[in-house]
Amino acid sequence: MRWTPHATVATIVEDNGRFLLVEETSGSNLVLNQPAGHLEEDEHFIDAARRETLEETGWHVEPEHLLGLYVYKAPANGVTYHRACFIARACFHDAARELDDGIIRAVWMTRDEVAENMHRLRSELVLKCIDDYLAGTRYPLSLIHEP
């Protein structure tokens, strides 16, 4: 059997101390997550971050930094996810845009509100990424080499 990690992206979008999250269904649970998802075939990381954020929140964003690369093994299914997390600037919101299946709504929450909802987070990476952002972690997008 061949082990295959799942390549994903996530986006940190902050506005006046509030962070853009999605409320979504995961199995029978209602969870909170950053806008995030899998890369599509031949898709670049930065393009995937823009696309996933738009599809899940209706927000057009522009990635400005790489926050970091994260590895997470989901205890529920044993799948390993390799997550490239980006810091993006909110450009404009398309309120009429239909959100992806399974997405209930986009929400803006402070770091403390996210921490108060630890039991609802899709994974501990949600708060970890916010804390890394607040600690000032930033890497240039030029760190990523894509054709």
C-alpha atoms as a PDB file:
ATOM      1  CA  MET A   1       0.000   0.000   0.000  1.00  0.00           C
ATOM      2  CA  ARG A   2       1.347   3.413  -0.963  1.00  0.00           C
ATOM      3  CA  TRP A   3       1.158   6.332   1.486  1.00  0.00           C
ATOM      4  CA  THR A   4      -0.103   9.527  -0.127  1.00  0.00           C
ATOM      5  CA  PRO A   5      -0.425  12.837   1.745  1.00  0.00           C
ATOM      6  CA  HIS A   6      -3.141  15.293   0.820  1.00  0.00           C
ATOM      7  CA  ALA A   7      -1.901  18.687  -0.421  1.00  0.00           C
ATOM      8  CA  THR A   8      -4.070  21.504   0.925  1.00  0.00           C
ATOM      9  CA  VAL A   9      -4.076  25.278   1.272  1.00  0.00           C
ATOM     10  CA  ALA A  10      -5.585  27.540   3.919  1.00  0.00           C
ATOM     11  CA  THR A  11      -5.871  31.298   4.154  1.00  0.00           C
ATOM     12  CA  ILE A  12      -5.569  33.661   7.104  1.00  0.00           C
ATOM     13  CA  VAL A  13      -7.544  36.843   6.420  1.00  0.00           C
ATOM     14  CA  GLU A  14      -7.541  39.394   9.252  1.00  0.00           C
ATOM     15  CA  ASP A  15      -9.513  42.622   9.514  1.00  0.00           C
ATOM     16  CA  ASN A  16      -9.302  44.785  12.637  1.00  0.00           C
ATOM     17  CA  GLY A  17      -8.550  41.850  14.925  1.00  0.00           C
ATOM     18  CA  ARG A  18     -11.155  39.519  13.421  1.00  0.00           C
ATOM     19  CA  PHE A  19     -10.359  36.483  11.286  1.00  0.00           C
ATOM     20  CA  LEU A  20     -12.333  35.109   8.357  1.00  0.00           C
ATOM     21  CA  LEU A  21     -13.514  31.569   9.068  1.00  0.00           C
ATOM     22  CA  VAL A  22     -16.021  29.196   7.579  1.00  0.00           C
ATOM     23  CA  GLU A  23     -18.690  27.277   9.417  1.00  0.00           C
ATOM     24  CA  GLU A  24     -19.008  23.963   7.620  1.00  0.00           C
ATOM     25  CA  THR A  25     -20.257  20.439   8.007  1.00  0.00           C
ATOM     26  CA  SER A  26     -17.756  17.649   8.591  1.00  0.00           C
ATOM     27  CA  GLY A  27     -19.571  14.342   8.785  1.00  0.00           C
ATOM     28  CA  SER A  28     -22.433  15.050  11.177  1.00  0.00           C
ATOM     29  CA  ASN A  29     -20.604  17.897  12.945  1.00  0.00           C
ATOM     30  CA  LEU A  30     -20.697  21.655  12.435  1.00  0.00           C
ATOM     31  CA  VAL A  31     -17.082  22.875  12.569  1.00  0.00           C
ATOM     32  CA  LEU A  32     -15.042  26.048  12.123  1.00  0.00           C
ATOM     33  CA  ASN A  33     -12.072  26.277   9.783  1.00  0.00           C
ATOM     34  CA  GLN A  34     -10.030  28.759   7.831  1.00  0.00           C
ATOM     35  CA  PRO A  35     -11.024  28.917   4.177  1.00  0.00           C
ATOM     36  CA  ALA A  36      -9.168  25.805   3.036  1.00  0.00           C
ATOM     37  CA  GLY A  37      -9.183  22.919   0.632  1.00  0.00           C
ATOM     38  CA  HIS A  38      -7.294  20.598  -1.671  1.00  0.00           C
ATOM     39  CA  LEU A  39      -5.178  21.668  -4.595  1.00  0.00           C
ATOM     40  CA  GLU A  40      -6.593  20.706  -7.962  1.00  0.00           C
ATOM     41  CA  GLU A  41      -4.482  19.017 -10.620  1.00  0.00           C
ATOM     42  CA  ASP A  42      -1.892  21.409 -12.136  1.00  0.00           C
ATOM     43  CA  GLU A  43      -3.028  24.225  -9.823  1.00  0.00           C
ATOM     44  CA  HIS A  44      -0.494  26.541  -8.191  1.00  0.00           C
ATOM     45  CA  PHE A  45      -0.559  26.994  -4.414  1.00  0.00           C
ATOM     46  CA  ILE A  46      -1.332  30.722  -4.503  1.00  0.00           C
ATOM     47  CA  ASP A  47      -4.093  30.264  -7.076  1.00  0.00           C
ATOM     48  CA  ALA A  48      -5.599  27.504  -4.924  1.00  0.00           C
ATOM     49  CA  ALA A  49      -5.613  29.802  -1.882  1.00  0.00           C
ATOM     50  CA  ARG A  50      -7.470  32.502  -3.856  1.00  0.00           C
ATOM     51  CA  ARG A  51      -9.942  29.974  -5.291  1.00  0.00           C
ATOM     52  CA  GLU A  52     -10.710  28.166  -2.049  1.00  0.00           C
ATOM     53  CA  THR A  53     -11.251  31.420  -0.154  1.00  0.00           C
ATOM     54  CA  LEU A  54     -13.630  32.708  -2.835  1.00  0.00           C
ATOM     55  CA  GLU A  55     -15.538  29.431  -3.128  1.00  0.00           C
ATOM     56  CA  GLU A  56     -15.970  29.043   0.612  1.00  0.00           C
ATOM     57  CA  THR A  57     -16.557  32.660   1.710  1.00  0.00           C
ATOM     58  CA  GLY A  58     -17.413  34.827  -1.296  1.00  0.00           C
ATOM     59  CA  TRP A  59     -14.337  36.970  -0.514  1.00  0.00           C
ATOM     60  CA  HIS A  60     -11.842  37.847  -3.231  1.00  0.00           C
ATOM     61  CA  VAL A  61      -8.430  37.927  -1.557  1.00  0.00           C
ATOM     62  CA  GLU A  62      -4.837  38.564  -2.522  1.00  0.00           C
ATOM     63  CA  PRO A  63      -2.213  36.380  -0.835  1.00  0.00           C
ATOM     64  CA  GLU A  64       0.676  38.494   0.432  1.00  0.00           C
ATOM     65  CA  HIS A  65       2.783  36.090   2.510  1.00  0.00           C
ATOM     66  CA  LEU A  66       3.265  32.440   3.252  1.00  0.00           C
ATOM     67  CA  LEU A  67       2.529  31.807   6.922  1.00  0.00           C
ATOM     68  CA  GLY A  68       3.991  28.322   6.947  1.00  0.00           C
ATOM     69  CA  LEU A  69       3.806  24.680   6.004  1.00  0.00           C
ATOM     70  CA  TYR A  70       1.936  22.429   8.417  1.00  0.00           C
ATOM     71  CA  VAL A  71       1.555  18.661   8.683  1.00  0.00           C
ATOM     72  CA  TYR A  72      -1.554  17.234  10.314  1.00  0.00           C
ATOM     73  CA  LYS A  73      -2.647  13.621  10.698  1.00  0.00           C
ATOM     74  CA  ALA A  74      -6.394  13.481  11.256  1.00  0.00           C
ATOM     75  CA  PRO A  75      -7.178  11.159  14.156  1.00  0.00           C
ATOM     76  CA  ALA A  76     -10.622  10.324  12.750  1.00  0.00           C
ATOM     77  CA  ASN A  77      -9.366   8.785   9.496  1.00  0.00           C
ATOM     78  CA  GLY A  78      -5.549   8.635   9.725  1.00  0.00           C
ATOM     79  CA  VAL A  79      -5.126  10.830   6.639  1.00  0.00           C
ATOM     80  CA  THR A  80      -2.053  13.083   6.596  1.00  0.00           C
ATOM     81  CA  TYR A  81      -2.553  16.608   5.291  1.00  0.00           C
ATOM     82  CA  HIS A  82       0.269  18.890   4.133  1.00  0.00           C
ATOM     83  CA  ARG A  83      -1.106  22.419   4.473  1.00  0.00           C
ATOM     84  CA  ALA A  84       0.375  25.552   2.940  1.00  0.00           C
ATOM     85  CA  CYS A  85      -1.146  28.430   4.891  1.00  0.00           C
ATOM     86  CA  PHE A  86      -1.194  31.898   3.350  1.00  0.00           C
ATOM     87  CA  ILE A  87      -1.800  35.355   4.740  1.00  0.00           C
ATOM     88  CA  ALA A  88      -4.109  37.272   2.413  1.00  0.00           C
ATOM     89  CA  ARG A  89      -5.618  40.727   2.169  1.00  0.00           C
ATOM     90  CA  ALA A  90      -9.398  40.951   1.699  1.00  0.00           C
ATOM     91  CA  CYS A  91     -10.162  42.808  -1.540  1.00  0.00           C
ATOM     92  CA  PHE A  92     -13.953  42.681  -1.876  1.00  0.00           C
ATOM     93  CA  HIS A  93     -16.916  40.511  -0.991  1.00  0.00           C
ATOM     94  CA  ASP A  94     -19.355  39.006  -3.474  1.00  0.00           C
ATOM     95  CA  ALA A  95     -22.411  38.605  -1.225  1.00  0.00           C
ATOM     96  CA  ALA A  96     -24.445  37.051  -4.054  1.00  0.00           C
ATOM     97  CA  ARG A  97     -21.957  34.249  -4.659  1.00  0.00           C
ATOM     98  CA  GLU A  98     -23.190  30.769  -3.777  1.00  0.00           C
ATOM     99  CA  LEU A  99     -20.821  29.036  -1.356  1.00  0.00           C
ATOM    100  CA  ASP A 100     -19.437  25.515  -1.769  1.00  0.00           C
ATOM    101  CA  ASP A 101     -21.496  22.503  -0.715  1.00  0.00           C
ATOM    102  CA  GLY A 102     -21.137  21.872   2.997  1.00  0.00           C
ATOM    103  CA  ILE A 103     -20.306  25.492   3.799  1.00  0.00           C
ATOM    104  CA  ILE A 104     -22.959  27.026   6.030  1.00  0.00           C
ATOM    105  CA  ARG A 105     -21.569  30.551   6.165  1.00  0.00           C
ATOM    106  CA  ALA A 106     -18.508  32.739   6.441  1.00  0.00           C
ATOM    107  CA  VAL A 107     -17.925  34.261   9.893  1.00  0.00           C
ATOM    108  CA  TRP A 108     -15.508  36.815  11.329  1.00  0.00           C
ATOM    109  CA  MET A 109     -14.181  35.968  14.800  1.00  0.00           C
ATOM    110  CA  THR A 110     -11.530  37.312  17.135  1.00  0.00           C
ATOM    111  CA  ARG A 111      -8.707  35.062  18.299  1.00  0.00           C
ATOM    112  CA  ASP A 112     -10.397  34.769  21.708  1.00  0.00           C
ATOM    113  CA  GLU A 113     -13.717  33.765  20.130  1.00  0.00           C
ATOM    114  CA  VAL A 114     -11.904  31.084  18.128  1.00  0.00           C
ATOM    115  CA  ALA A 115     -10.197  29.812  21.306  1.00  0.00           C
ATOM    116  CA  GLU A 116     -13.568  29.693  23.093  1.00  0.00           C
ATOM    117  CA  ASN A 117     -14.769  27.385  20.306  1.00  0.00           C
ATOM    118  CA  MET A 118     -11.847  24.908  20.429  1.00  0.00           C
ATOM    119  CA  HIS A 119     -14.334  22.031  20.601  1.00  0.00           C
ATOM    120  CA  ARG A 120     -15.756  23.152  17.223  1.00  0.00           C
ATOM    121  CA  LEU A 121     -12.488  23.600  15.318  1.00  0.00           C
ATOM    122  CA  ARG A 122     -11.910  21.297  12.361  1.00  0.00           C
ATOM    123  CA  SER A 123      -8.388  20.779  13.692  1.00  0.00           C
ATOM    124  CA  GLU A 124      -5.981  22.406  16.089  1.00  0.00           C
ATOM    125  CA  LEU A 125      -4.294  23.986  13.053  1.00  0.00           C
ATOM    126  CA  VAL A 126      -7.053  26.627  12.969  1.00  0.00           C
ATOM    127  CA  LEU A 127      -5.891  28.257  16.199  1.00  0.00           C
ATOM    128  CA  LYS A 128      -2.206  27.387  15.600  1.00  0.00           C
ATOM    129  CA  CYS A 129      -2.225  29.334  12.322  1.00  0.00           C
ATOM    130  CA  ILE A 130      -3.926  32.336  13.938  1.00  0.00           C
ATOM    131  CA  ASP A 131      -1.378  32.307  16.760  1.00  0.00           C
ATOM    132  CA  ASP A 132       1.526  32.040  14.304  1.00  0.00           C
ATOM    133  CA  TYR A 133       0.084  35.005  12.389  1.00  0.00           C
ATOM    134  CA  LEU A 134      -0.283  37.042  15.585  1.00  0.00           C
ATOM    135  CA  ALA A 135       3.322  36.155  16.529  1.00  0.00           C
ATOM    136  CA  GLY A 136       4.425  37.886  13.325  1.00  0.00           C
ATOM    137  CA  THR A 137       5.421  34.838  11.294  1.00  0.00           C
ATOM    138  CA  ARG A 138       5.723  35.807   7.617  1.00  0.00           C
ATOM    139  CA  TYR A 139       7.598  34.348   4.650  1.00  0.00           C
ATOM    140  CA  PRO A 140       7.792  35.849   1.164  1.00  0.00           C
ATOM    141  CA  LEU A 141       5.682  34.250  -1.557  1.00  0.00           C
ATOM    142  CA  SER A 142       8.894  33.987  -3.580  1.00  0.00           C
ATOM    143  CA  LEU A 143       9.764  31.030  -1.332  1.00  0.00           C
ATOM    144  CA  ILE A 144       7.377  29.016  -3.529  1.00  0.00           C
ATOM    145  CA  HIS A 145       8.785  28.016  -6.905  1.00  0.00           C
ATOM    146  CA  GLU A 146       6.056  27.112  -9.383  1.00  0.00           C
ATOM    147  CA  PRO A 147       6.211  27.092 -13.173  1.00  0.00           C
END
